Amino acid sequence: REEHPVVVAAITKFTILNISPIDQFNNWISSLLCKLVLNTRNYSFKNWLSLEDSFYKDRDEIDLLTSEIGVNSDYTQVLEYFSEQLADRALNLAEQVKLLAKDTKVAK
């Protein structure tokens, strides 16, 4: 409970992605566990935030990051990547909410 939820979620996600025998379902399971970690630690953005689509776009980069974890067990780049993706998605969500608020005022 002392670690930040983003750090725990990133390590959970990329550790699950690094497991070889169940490679077919790794992405799905890692996304579920990542959401579970964030939700149980009150870091959920009320389920408005979805990280899956950003991770599906950058599949080559994710494969490179997971292979580097297997070689040297260094999570620094993984944490940077995950936190940047989370911040980017949160910023996009904030912009969408602001635009929606403006549209509501115009409609009234």
PDB file of N, CA and C in Angstrom:
ATOM      1  N   ARG A   1       0.802  -1.215   0.000  1.00  0.00           N
ATOM      2  CA  ARG A   1       0.000   0.000   0.000  1.00  0.00           C
ATOM      3  C   ARG A   1       0.839   1.270   0.000  1.00  0.00           C
ATOM      4  N   GLU A   2       2.145   1.147   0.175  1.00  0.00           N
ATOM      5  CA  GLU A   2       2.995   2.335   0.211  1.00  0.00           C
ATOM      6  C   GLU A   2       3.357   2.828  -1.184  1.00  0.00           C
ATOM      7  N   GLU A   3       3.306   1.964  -2.176  1.00  0.00           N
ATOM      8  CA  GLU A   3       3.674   2.348  -3.535  1.00  0.00           C
ATOM      9  C   GLU A   3       2.524   3.080  -4.220  1.00  0.00           C
ATOM     10  N   HIS A   4       2.872   3.939  -5.158  1.00  0.00           N
ATOM     11  CA  HIS A   4       1.857   4.673  -5.913  1.00  0.00           C
ATOM     12  C   HIS A   4       1.090   3.704  -6.822  1.00  0.00           C
ATOM     13  N   PRO A   5      -0.222   3.894  -6.983  1.00  0.00           N
ATOM     14  CA  PRO A   5      -1.025   2.976  -7.804  1.00  0.00           C
ATOM     15  C   PRO A   5      -0.561   2.870  -9.250  1.00  0.00           C
ATOM     16  N   VAL A   6      -0.040   3.950  -9.814  1.00  0.00           N
ATOM     17  CA  VAL A   6       0.428   3.914 -11.198  1.00  0.00           C
ATOM     18  C   VAL A   6       1.654   3.012 -11.323  1.00  0.00           C
ATOM     19  N   VAL A   7       2.524   3.066 -10.336  1.00  0.00           N
ATOM     20  CA  VAL A   7       3.713   2.214 -10.350  1.00  0.00           C
ATOM     21  C   VAL A   7       3.314   0.751 -10.238  1.00  0.00           C
ATOM     22  N   VAL A   8       2.414   0.445  -9.322  1.00  0.00           N
ATOM     23  CA  VAL A   8       1.970  -0.939  -9.132  1.00  0.00           C
ATOM     24  C   VAL A   8       1.243  -1.443 -10.374  1.00  0.00           C
ATOM     25  N   ALA A   9       0.396  -0.610 -10.965  1.00  0.00           N
ATOM     26  CA  ALA A   9      -0.344  -1.019 -12.167  1.00  0.00           C
ATOM     27  C   ALA A   9       0.607  -1.268 -13.335  1.00  0.00           C
ATOM     28  N   ALA A  10       1.595  -0.415 -13.504  1.00  0.00           N
ATOM     29  CA  ALA A  10       2.548  -0.593 -14.608  1.00  0.00           C
ATOM     30  C   ALA A  10       3.365  -1.866 -14.433  1.00  0.00           C
ATOM     31  N   ILE A  11       3.856  -2.093 -13.232  1.00  0.00           N
ATOM     32  CA  ILE A  11       4.644  -3.306 -12.990  1.00  0.00           C
ATOM     33  C   ILE A  11       3.776  -4.543 -13.169  1.00  0.00           C
ATOM     34  N   THR A  12       2.541  -4.493 -12.695  1.00  0.00           N
ATOM     35  CA  THR A  12       1.622  -5.621 -12.868  1.00  0.00           C
ATOM     36  C   THR A  12       1.377  -5.891 -14.338  1.00  0.00           C
ATOM     37  N   LYS A  13       1.066  -4.852 -15.092  1.00  0.00           N
ATOM     38  CA  LYS A  13       0.752  -5.023 -16.509  1.00  0.00           C
ATOM     39  C   LYS A  13       1.923  -5.620 -17.282  1.00  0.00           C
ATOM     40  N   PHE A  14       3.096  -5.076 -17.108  1.00  0.00           N
ATOM     41  CA  PHE A  14       4.228  -5.530 -17.902  1.00  0.00           C
ATOM     42  C   PHE A  14       4.822  -6.848 -17.399  1.00  0.00           C
ATOM     43  N   THR A  15       4.621  -7.166 -16.136  1.00  0.00           N
ATOM     44  CA  THR A  15       5.048  -8.474 -15.650  1.00  0.00           C
ATOM     45  C   THR A  15       4.161  -9.572 -16.243  1.00  0.00           C
ATOM     46  N   ILE A  16       2.867  -9.333 -16.302  1.00  0.00           N
ATOM     47  CA  ILE A  16       1.943 -10.297 -16.919  1.00  0.00           C
ATOM     48  C   ILE A  16       2.241 -10.417 -18.417  1.00  0.00           C
ATOM     49  N   LEU A  17       2.517  -9.301 -19.081  1.00  0.00           N
ATOM     50  CA  LEU A  17       2.837  -9.351 -20.510  1.00  0.00           C
ATOM     51  C   LEU A  17       4.111 -10.137 -20.791  1.00  0.00           C
ATOM     52  N   ASN A  18       4.980 -10.219 -19.804  1.00  0.00           N
ATOM     53  CA  ASN A  18       6.269 -10.891 -19.992  1.00  0.00           C
ATOM     54  C   ASN A  18       6.181 -12.403 -19.815  1.00  0.00           C
ATOM     55  N   ILE A  19       5.041 -12.916 -19.356  1.00  0.00           N
ATOM     56  CA  ILE A  19       4.885 -14.363 -19.168  1.00  0.00           C
ATOM     57  C   ILE A  19       4.694 -15.014 -20.525  1.00  0.00           C
ATOM     58  N   SER A  20       5.514 -15.980 -20.843  1.00  0.00           N
ATOM     59  CA  SER A  20       5.518 -16.594 -22.171  1.00  0.00           C
ATOM     60  C   SER A  20       4.455 -17.666 -22.407  1.00  0.00           C
ATOM     61  N   PRO A  21       4.193 -18.596 -21.507  1.00  0.00           N
ATOM     62  CA  PRO A  21       3.322 -19.719 -21.860  1.00  0.00           C
ATOM     63  C   PRO A  21       1.894 -19.341 -22.249  1.00  0.00           C
ATOM     64  N   ILE A  22       1.372 -18.266 -21.706  1.00  0.00           N
ATOM     65  CA  ILE A  22      -0.004 -17.893 -22.028  1.00  0.00           C
ATOM     66  C   ILE A  22      -0.025 -16.623 -22.868  1.00  0.00           C
ATOM     67  N   ASP A  23       0.820 -16.551 -23.852  1.00  0.00           N
ATOM     68  CA  ASP A  23       1.024 -15.351 -24.657  1.00  0.00           C
ATOM     69  C   ASP A  23      -0.251 -14.873 -25.349  1.00  0.00           C
ATOM     70  N   GLN A  24      -1.161 -15.783 -25.648  1.00  0.00           N
ATOM     71  CA  GLN A  24      -2.370 -15.416 -26.382  1.00  0.00           C
ATOM     72  C   GLN A  24      -3.283 -14.489 -25.568  1.00  0.00           C
ATOM     73  N   PHE A  25      -3.355 -14.700 -24.269  1.00  0.00           N
ATOM     74  CA  PHE A  25      -4.266 -13.917 -23.438  1.00  0.00           C
ATOM     75  C   PHE A  25      -3.558 -12.914 -22.532  1.00  0.00           C
ATOM     76  N   ASN A  26      -2.267 -12.739 -22.686  1.00  0.00           N
ATOM     77  CA  ASN A  26      -1.514 -11.855 -21.805  1.00  0.00           C
ATOM     78  C   ASN A  26      -2.020 -10.418 -21.822  1.00  0.00           C
ATOM     79  N   ASN A  27      -2.297  -9.892 -22.990  1.00  0.00           N
ATOM     80  CA  ASN A  27      -2.732  -8.498 -23.094  1.00  0.00           C
ATOM     81  C   ASN A  27      -4.070  -8.290 -22.396  1.00  0.00           C
ATOM     82  N   TRP A  28      -4.966  -9.205 -22.588  1.00  0.00           N
ATOM     83  CA  TRP A  28      -6.291  -9.115 -21.982  1.00  0.00           C
ATOM     84  C   TRP A  28      -6.203  -9.210 -20.459  1.00  0.00           C
ATOM     85  N   ILE A  29      -5.476 -10.196 -19.970  1.00  0.00           N
ATOM     86  CA  ILE A  29      -5.331 -10.397 -18.526  1.00  0.00           C
ATOM     87  C   ILE A  29      -4.586  -9.228 -17.891  1.00  0.00           C
ATOM     88  N   SER A  30      -3.546  -8.754 -18.549  1.00  0.00           N
ATOM     89  CA  SER A  30      -2.778  -7.638 -17.983  1.00  0.00           C
ATOM     90  C   SER A  30      -3.614  -6.367 -17.905  1.00  0.00           C
ATOM     91  N   SER A  31      -4.476  -6.140 -18.892  1.00  0.00           N
ATOM     92  CA  SER A  31      -5.354  -4.967 -18.849  1.00  0.00           C
ATOM     93  C   SER A  31      -6.361  -5.069 -17.711  1.00  0.00           C
ATOM     94  N   LEU A  32      -6.917  -6.260 -17.516  1.00  0.00           N
ATOM     95  CA  LEU A  32      -7.860  -6.444 -16.412  1.00  0.00           C
ATOM     96  C   LEU A  32      -7.205  -6.224 -15.053  1.00  0.00           C
ATOM     97  N   LEU A  33      -6.034  -6.801 -14.869  1.00  0.00           N
ATOM     98  CA  LEU A  33      -5.347  -6.632 -13.586  1.00  0.00           C
ATOM     99  C   LEU A  33      -4.883  -5.195 -13.368  1.00  0.00           C
ATOM    100  N   CYS A  34      -4.491  -4.536 -14.437  1.00  0.00           N
ATOM    101  CA  CYS A  34      -4.094  -3.126 -14.339  1.00  0.00           C
ATOM    102  C   CYS A  34      -5.283  -2.274 -13.884  1.00  0.00           C
ATOM    103  N   LYS A  35      -6.444  -2.497 -14.489  1.00  0.00           N
ATOM    104  CA  LYS A  35      -7.648  -1.765 -14.070  1.00  0.00           C
ATOM    105  C   LYS A  35      -8.030  -2.096 -12.637  1.00  0.00           C
ATOM    106  N   LEU A  36      -7.885  -3.358 -12.262  1.00  0.00           N
ATOM    107  CA  LEU A  36      -8.210  -3.771 -10.901  1.00  0.00           C
ATOM    108  C   LEU A  36      -7.317  -3.055  -9.887  1.00  0.00           C
ATOM    109  N   VAL A  37      -6.033  -2.974 -10.171  1.00  0.00           N
ATOM    110  CA  VAL A  37      -5.106  -2.282  -9.269  1.00  0.00           C
ATOM    111  C   VAL A  37      -5.472  -0.812  -9.159  1.00  0.00           C
ATOM    112  N   LEU A  38      -5.724  -0.167 -10.287  1.00  0.00           N
ATOM    113  CA  LEU A  38      -6.067   1.258 -10.257  1.00  0.00           C
ATOM    114  C   LEU A  38      -7.401   1.503  -9.563  1.00  0.00           C
ATOM    115  N   ASN A  39      -8.397   0.650  -9.809  1.00  0.00           N
ATOM    116  CA  ASN A  39      -9.710   0.835  -9.198  1.00  0.00           C
ATOM    117  C   ASN A  39      -9.697   0.591  -7.699  1.00  0.00           C
ATOM    118  N   THR A  40      -8.967  -0.426  -7.251  1.00  0.00           N
ATOM    119  CA  THR A  40      -8.945  -0.714  -5.814  1.00  0.00           C
ATOM    120  C   THR A  40      -8.192   0.342  -5.023  1.00  0.00           C
ATOM    121  N   ARG A  41      -7.364   1.104  -5.697  1.00  0.00           N
ATOM    122  CA  ARG A  41      -6.625   2.174  -5.016  1.00  0.00           C
ATOM    123  C   ARG A  41      -7.191   3.553  -5.324  1.00  0.00           C
ATOM    124  N   ASN A  42      -8.467   3.588  -5.738  1.00  0.00           N
ATOM    125  CA  ASN A  42      -9.190   4.845  -5.991  1.00  0.00           C
ATOM    126  C   ASN A  42      -8.495   5.731  -7.022  1.00  0.00           C
ATOM    127  N   TYR A  43      -8.016   5.117  -8.080  1.00  0.00           N
ATOM    128  CA  TYR A  43      -7.332   5.832  -9.148  1.00  0.00           C
ATOM    129  C   TYR A  43      -7.985   5.454 -10.473  1.00  0.00           C
ATOM    130  N   SER A  44      -9.307   5.492 -10.511  1.00  0.00           N
ATOM    131  CA  SER A  44     -10.009   4.884 -11.631  1.00  0.00           C
ATOM    132  C   SER A  44     -10.559   5.874 -12.655  1.00  0.00           C
ATOM    133  N   PHE A  45     -10.610   7.145 -12.365  1.00  0.00           N
ATOM    134  CA  PHE A  45     -11.213   8.136 -13.253  1.00  0.00           C
ATOM    135  C   PHE A  45     -12.655   7.771 -13.568  1.00  0.00           C
ATOM    136  N   LYS A  46     -13.322   7.155 -12.617  1.00  0.00           N
ATOM    137  CA  LYS A  46     -14.736   6.753 -12.735  1.00  0.00           C
ATOM    138  C   LYS A  46     -14.997   5.914 -13.973  1.00  0.00           C
ATOM    139  N   ASN A  47     -14.030   5.094 -14.341  1.00  0.00           N
ATOM    140  CA  ASN A  47     -14.103   4.193 -15.498  1.00  0.00           C
ATOM    141  C   ASN A  47     -14.298   4.933 -16.823  1.00  0.00           C
ATOM    142  N   TRP A  48     -13.945   6.200 -16.891  1.00  0.00           N
ATOM    143  CA  TRP A  48     -14.017   6.948 -18.147  1.00  0.00           C
ATOM    144  C   TRP A  48     -12.739   6.811 -18.946  1.00  0.00           C
ATOM    145  N   LEU A  49     -11.680   6.385 -18.303  1.00  0.00           N
ATOM    146  CA  LEU A  49     -10.365   6.320 -18.928  1.00  0.00           C
ATOM    147  C   LEU A  49     -10.090   4.902 -19.401  1.00  0.00           C
ATOM    148  N   SER A  50      -9.719   4.779 -20.668  1.00  0.00           N
ATOM    149  CA  SER A  50      -9.402   3.468 -21.228  1.00  0.00           C
ATOM    150  C   SER A  50      -7.984   3.504 -21.791  1.00  0.00           C
ATOM    151  N   LEU A  51      -7.139   2.637 -21.271  1.00  0.00           N
ATOM    152  CA  LEU A  51      -5.750   2.588 -21.718  1.00  0.00           C
ATOM    153  C   LEU A  51      -5.522   1.561 -22.821  1.00  0.00           C
ATOM    154  N   GLU A  52      -6.477   0.684 -23.033  1.00  0.00           N
ATOM    155  CA  GLU A  52      -6.259  -0.431 -23.948  1.00  0.00           C
ATOM    156  C   GLU A  52      -5.943   0.009 -25.366  1.00  0.00           C
ATOM    157  N   ASP A  53      -6.683   0.992 -25.877  1.00  0.00           N
ATOM    158  CA  ASP A  53      -6.465   1.395 -27.272  1.00  0.00           C
ATOM    159  C   ASP A  53      -5.086   1.994 -27.491  1.00  0.00           C
ATOM    160  N   SER A  54      -4.552   2.712 -26.504  1.00  0.00           N
ATOM    161  CA  SER A  54      -3.195   3.253 -26.667  1.00  0.00           C
ATOM    162  C   SER A  54      -2.152   2.143 -26.611  1.00  0.00           C
ATOM    163  N   PHE A  55      -2.420   1.090 -25.841  1.00  0.00           N
ATOM    164  CA  PHE A  55      -1.485  -0.029 -25.790  1.00  0.00           C
ATOM    165  C   PHE A  55      -1.590  -0.908 -27.024  1.00  0.00           C
ATOM    166  N   TYR A  56      -2.746  -0.992 -27.642  1.00  0.00           N
ATOM    167  CA  TYR A  56      -2.885  -1.793 -28.855  1.00  0.00           C
ATOM    168  C   TYR A  56      -2.197  -1.126 -30.043  1.00  0.00           C
ATOM    169  N   LYS A  57      -2.159   0.200 -30.072  1.00  0.00           N
ATOM    170  CA  LYS A  57      -1.520   0.916 -31.171  1.00  0.00           C
ATOM    171  C   LYS A  57      -0.006   0.716 -31.169  1.00  0.00           C
ATOM    172  N   ASP A  58       0.578   0.721 -29.985  1.00  0.00           N
ATOM    173  CA  ASP A  58       2.035   0.669 -29.849  1.00  0.00           C
ATOM    174  C   ASP A  58       2.520  -0.730 -29.490  1.00  0.00           C
ATOM    175  N   ARG A  59       2.003  -1.739 -30.134  1.00  0.00           N
ATOM    176  CA  ARG A  59       2.316  -3.122 -29.771  1.00  0.00           C
ATOM    177  C   ARG A  59       3.812  -3.433 -29.939  1.00  0.00           C
ATOM    178  N   ASP A  60       4.451  -2.887 -30.973  1.00  0.00           N
ATOM    179  CA  ASP A  60       5.887  -3.139 -31.183  1.00  0.00           C
ATOM    180  C   ASP A  60       6.723  -2.557 -30.048  1.00  0.00           C
ATOM    181  N   GLU A  61       6.376  -1.350 -29.621  1.00  0.00           N
ATOM    182  CA  GLU A  61       7.115  -0.719 -28.529  1.00  0.00           C
ATOM    183  C   GLU A  61       6.898  -1.476 -27.219  1.00  0.00           C
ATOM    184  N   ILE A  62       5.703  -1.961 -27.001  1.00  0.00           N
ATOM    185  CA  ILE A  62       5.407  -2.729 -25.793  1.00  0.00           C
ATOM    186  C   ILE A  62       6.181  -4.040 -25.798  1.00  0.00           C
ATOM    187  N   ASP A  63       6.249  -4.691 -26.953  1.00  0.00           N
ATOM    188  CA  ASP A  63       7.033  -5.925 -27.045  1.00  0.00           C
ATOM    189  C   ASP A  63       8.504  -5.665 -26.743  1.00  0.00           C
ATOM    190  N   LEU A  64       9.032  -4.544 -27.226  1.00  0.00           N
ATOM    191  CA  LEU A  64      10.423  -4.184 -26.941  1.00  0.00           C
ATOM    192  C   LEU A  64      10.632  -3.931 -25.449  1.00  0.00           C
ATOM    193  N   LEU A  65       9.699  -3.212 -24.825  1.00  0.00           N
ATOM    194  CA  LEU A  65       9.817  -2.923 -23.394  1.00  0.00           C
ATOM    195  C   LEU A  65       9.743  -4.204 -22.563  1.00  0.00           C
ATOM    196  N   THR A  66       8.838  -5.103 -22.911  1.00  0.00           N
ATOM    197  CA  THR A  66       8.716  -6.348 -22.140  1.00  0.00           C
ATOM    198  C   THR A  66       9.940  -7.235 -22.324  1.00  0.00           C
ATOM    199  N   SER A  67      10.532  -7.223 -23.509  1.00  0.00           N
ATOM    200  CA  SER A  67      11.741  -8.028 -23.700  1.00  0.00           C
ATOM    201  C   SER A  67      12.912  -7.459 -22.899  1.00  0.00           C
ATOM    202  N   GLU A  68      12.989  -6.130 -22.759  1.00  0.00           N
ATOM    203  CA  GLU A  68      14.044  -5.521 -21.954  1.00  0.00           C
ATOM    204  C   GLU A  68      13.877  -5.845 -20.475  1.00  0.00           C
ATOM    205  N   ILE A  69      12.633  -5.986 -20.019  1.00  0.00           N
ATOM    206  CA  ILE A  69      12.399  -6.366 -18.625  1.00  0.00           C
ATOM    207  C   ILE A  69      12.955  -7.764 -18.381  1.00  0.00           C
ATOM    208  N   GLY A  70      12.729  -8.667 -19.327  1.00  0.00           N
ATOM    209  CA  GLY A  70      13.219 -10.027 -19.177  1.00  0.00           C
ATOM    210  C   GLY A  70      14.732 -10.115 -19.142  1.00  0.00           C
ATOM    211  N   VAL A  71      15.404  -9.182 -19.806  1.00  0.00           N
ATOM    212  CA  VAL A  71      16.870  -9.220 -19.873  1.00  0.00           C
ATOM    213  C   VAL A  71      17.507  -8.640 -18.612  1.00  0.00           C
ATOM    214  N   ASN A  72      17.093  -7.444 -18.218  1.00  0.00           N
ATOM    215  CA  ASN A  72      17.806  -6.786 -17.117  1.00  0.00           C
ATOM    216  C   ASN A  72      16.929  -6.419 -15.915  1.00  0.00           C
ATOM    217  N   SER A  73      15.657  -6.764 -15.920  1.00  0.00           N
ATOM    218  CA  SER A  73      14.731  -6.499 -14.803  1.00  0.00           C
ATOM    219  C   SER A  73      14.689  -5.025 -14.416  1.00  0.00           C
ATOM    220  N   ASP A  74      14.843  -4.131 -15.382  1.00  0.00           N
ATOM    221  CA  ASP A  74      14.792  -2.693 -15.139  1.00  0.00           C
ATOM    222  C   ASP A  74      13.433  -2.172 -15.616  1.00  0.00           C
ATOM    223  N   TYR A  75      12.656  -1.630 -14.687  1.00  0.00           N
ATOM    224  CA  TYR A  75      11.311  -1.156 -15.000  1.00  0.00           C
ATOM    225  C   TYR A  75      11.256   0.347 -15.258  1.00  0.00           C
ATOM    226  N   THR A  76      12.370   1.012 -15.367  1.00  0.00           N
ATOM    227  CA  THR A  76      12.382   2.464 -15.519  1.00  0.00           C
ATOM    228  C   THR A  76      11.668   2.908 -16.795  1.00  0.00           C
ATOM    229  N   GLN A  77      12.036   2.319 -17.926  1.00  0.00           N
ATOM    230  CA  GLN A  77      11.403   2.706 -19.191  1.00  0.00           C
ATOM    231  C   GLN A  77       9.937   2.324 -19.220  1.00  0.00           C
ATOM    232  N   VAL A  78       9.595   1.206 -18.607  1.00  0.00           N
ATOM    233  CA  VAL A  78       8.200   0.771 -18.541  1.00  0.00           C
ATOM    234  C   VAL A  78       7.373   1.770 -17.740  1.00  0.00           C
ATOM    235  N   LEU A  79       7.916   2.202 -16.611  1.00  0.00           N
ATOM    236  CA  LEU A  79       7.196   3.176 -15.781  1.00  0.00           C
ATOM    237  C   LEU A  79       7.038   4.510 -16.502  1.00  0.00           C
ATOM    238  N   GLU A  80       8.073   4.938 -17.215  1.00  0.00           N
ATOM    239  CA  GLU A  80       7.976   6.178 -17.985  1.00  0.00           C
ATOM    240  C   GLU A  80       6.910   6.059 -19.074  1.00  0.00           C
ATOM    241  N   TYR A  81       6.940   4.960 -19.808  1.00  0.00           N
ATOM    242  CA  TYR A  81       5.978   4.756 -20.890  1.00  0.00           C
ATOM    243  C   TYR A  81       4.552   4.700 -20.346  1.00  0.00           C
ATOM    244  N   PHE A  82       4.340   3.925 -19.301  1.00  0.00           N
ATOM    245  CA  PHE A  82       3.003   3.760 -18.745  1.00  0.00           C
ATOM    246  C   PHE A  82       2.472   5.070 -18.189  1.00  0.00           C
ATOM    247  N   SER A  83       3.301   5.800 -17.453  1.00  0.00           N
ATOM    248  CA  SER A  83       2.842   7.065 -16.872  1.00  0.00           C
ATOM    249  C   SER A  83       2.582   8.113 -17.951  1.00  0.00           C
ATOM    250  N   GLU A  84       3.381   8.109 -19.027  1.00  0.00           N
ATOM    251  CA  GLU A  84       3.123   9.038 -20.133  1.00  0.00           C
ATOM    252  C   GLU A  84       1.803   8.704 -20.825  1.00  0.00           C
ATOM    253  N   GLN A  85       1.547   7.426 -21.038  1.00  0.00           N
ATOM    254  CA  GLN A  85       0.282   7.024 -21.663  1.00  0.00           C
ATOM    255  C   GLN A  85      -0.904   7.397 -20.777  1.00  0.00           C
ATOM    256  N   LEU A  86      -0.785   7.164 -19.485  1.00  0.00           N
ATOM    257  CA  LEU A  86      -1.851   7.499 -18.553  1.00  0.00           C
ATOM    258  C   LEU A  86      -2.092   9.004 -18.517  1.00  0.00           C
ATOM    259  N   ALA A  87      -1.018   9.783 -18.475  1.00  0.00           N
ATOM    260  CA  ALA A  87      -1.151  11.238 -18.456  1.00  0.00           C
ATOM    261  C   ALA A  87      -1.765  11.758 -19.751  1.00  0.00           C
ATOM    262  N   ASP A  88      -1.354  11.184 -20.875  1.00  0.00           N
ATOM    263  CA  ASP A  88      -1.898  11.596 -22.162  1.00  0.00           C
ATOM    264  C   ASP A  88      -3.390  11.298 -22.255  1.00  0.00           C
ATOM    265  N   ARG A  89      -3.783  10.111 -21.837  1.00  0.00           N
ATOM    266  CA  ARG A  89      -5.203   9.735 -21.875  1.00  0.00           C
ATOM    267  C   ARG A  89      -6.022  10.596 -20.916  1.00  0.00           C
ATOM    268  N   ALA A  90      -5.476  10.910 -19.734  1.00  0.00           N
ATOM    269  CA  ALA A  90      -6.179  11.761 -18.777  1.00  0.00           C
ATOM    270  C   ALA A  90      -6.322  13.178 -19.308  1.00  0.00           C
ATOM    271  N   LEU A  91      -5.296  13.684 -19.973  1.00  0.00           N
ATOM    272  CA  LEU A  91      -5.365  15.022 -20.564  1.00  0.00           C
ATOM    273  C   LEU A  91      -6.411  15.068 -21.672  1.00  0.00           C
ATOM    274  N   ASN A  92      -6.434  14.046 -22.516  1.00  0.00           N
ATOM    275  CA  ASN A  92      -7.451  13.984 -23.573  1.00  0.00           C
ATOM    276  C   ASN A  92      -8.854  13.917 -22.983  1.00  0.00           C
ATOM    277  N   LEU A  93      -9.012  13.165 -21.905  1.00  0.00           N
ATOM    278  CA  LEU A  93     -10.311  13.077 -21.243  1.00  0.00           C
ATOM    279  C   LEU A  93     -10.725  14.426 -20.677  1.00  0.00           C
ATOM    280  N   ALA A  94      -9.787  15.138 -20.068  1.00  0.00           N
ATOM    281  CA  ALA A  94     -10.089  16.462 -19.516  1.00  0.00           C
ATOM    282  C   ALA A  94     -10.505  17.427 -20.618  1.00  0.00           C
ATOM    283  N   GLU A  95      -9.815  17.380 -21.756  1.00  0.00           N
ATOM    284  CA  GLU A  95     -10.177  18.250 -22.877  1.00  0.00           C
ATOM    285  C   GLU A  95     -11.573  17.910 -23.408  1.00  0.00           C
ATOM    286  N   GLN A  96     -11.892  16.649 -23.488  1.00  0.00           N
ATOM    287  CA  GLN A  96     -13.221  16.239 -23.963  1.00  0.00           C
ATOM    288  C   GLN A  96     -14.315  16.704 -23.014  1.00  0.00           C
ATOM    289  N   VAL A  97     -14.065  16.634 -21.710  1.00  0.00           N
ATOM    290  CA  VAL A  97     -15.049  17.095 -20.727  1.00  0.00           C
ATOM    291  C   VAL A  97     -15.231  18.603 -20.829  1.00  0.00           C
ATOM    292  N   LYS A  98     -14.137  19.341 -21.028  1.00  0.00           N
ATOM    293  CA  LYS A  98     -14.245  20.796 -21.180  1.00  0.00           C
ATOM    294  C   LYS A  98     -15.035  21.159 -22.429  1.00  0.00           C
ATOM    295  N   LEU A  99     -14.786  20.452 -23.531  1.00  0.00           N
ATOM    296  CA  LEU A  99     -15.538  20.720 -24.753  1.00  0.00           C
ATOM    297  C   LEU A  99     -17.011  20.384 -24.579  1.00  0.00           C
ATOM    298  N   LEU A 100     -17.288  19.313 -23.869  1.00  0.00           N
ATOM    299  CA  LEU A 100     -18.675  18.927 -23.616  1.00  0.00           C
ATOM    300  C   LEU A 100     -19.378  19.969 -22.752  1.00  0.00           C
ATOM    301  N   ALA A 101     -18.670  20.512 -21.767  1.00  0.00           N
ATOM    302  CA  ALA A 101     -19.241  21.550 -20.913  1.00  0.00           C
ATOM    303  C   ALA A 101     -19.559  22.806 -21.722  1.00  0.00           C
ATOM    304  N   LYS A 102     -18.668  23.167 -22.655  1.00  0.00           N
ATOM    305  CA  LYS A 102     -18.921  24.329 -23.513  1.00  0.00           C
ATOM    306  C   LYS A 102     -20.121  24.081 -24.416  1.00  0.00           C
ATOM    307  N   ASP A 103     -20.217  22.884 -24.978  1.00  0.00           N
ATOM    308  CA  ASP A 103     -21.356  22.544 -25.837  1.00  0.00           C
ATOM    309  C   ASP A 103     -22.669  22.584 -25.065  1.00  0.00           C
ATOM    310  N   THR A 104     -22.647  22.185 -23.825  1.00  0.00           N
ATOM    311  CA  THR A 104     -23.860  22.213 -22.989  1.00  0.00           C
ATOM    312  C   THR A 104     -24.292  23.651 -22.738  1.00  0.00           C
ATOM    313  N   LYS A 105     -23.337  24.524 -22.470  1.00  0.00           N
ATOM    314  CA  LYS A 105     -23.676  25.930 -22.252  1.00  0.00           C
ATOM    315  C   LYS A 105     -24.243  26.554 -23.525  1.00  0.00           C
ATOM    316  N   VAL A 106     -23.677  26.232 -24.661  1.00  0.00           N
ATOM    317  CA  VAL A 106     -24.166  26.767 -25.930  1.00  0.00           C
ATOM    318  C   VAL A 106     -25.565  26.255 -26.208  1.00  0.00           C
ATOM    319  N   ALA A 107     -25.805  24.984 -25.916  1.00  0.00           N
ATOM    320  CA  ALA A 107     -27.130  24.397 -26.161  1.00  0.00           C
ATOM    321  C   ALA A 107     -28.205  25.037 -25.295  1.00  0.00           C
ATOM    322  N   LYS A 108     -27.851  25.418 -24.072  1.00  0.00           N
ATOM    323  CA  LYS A 108     -28.835  26.056 -23.184  1.00  0.00           C
ATOM    324  C   LYS A 108     -29.168  27.442 -23.706  1.00  0.00           C
TER     325      LYS A 108
END
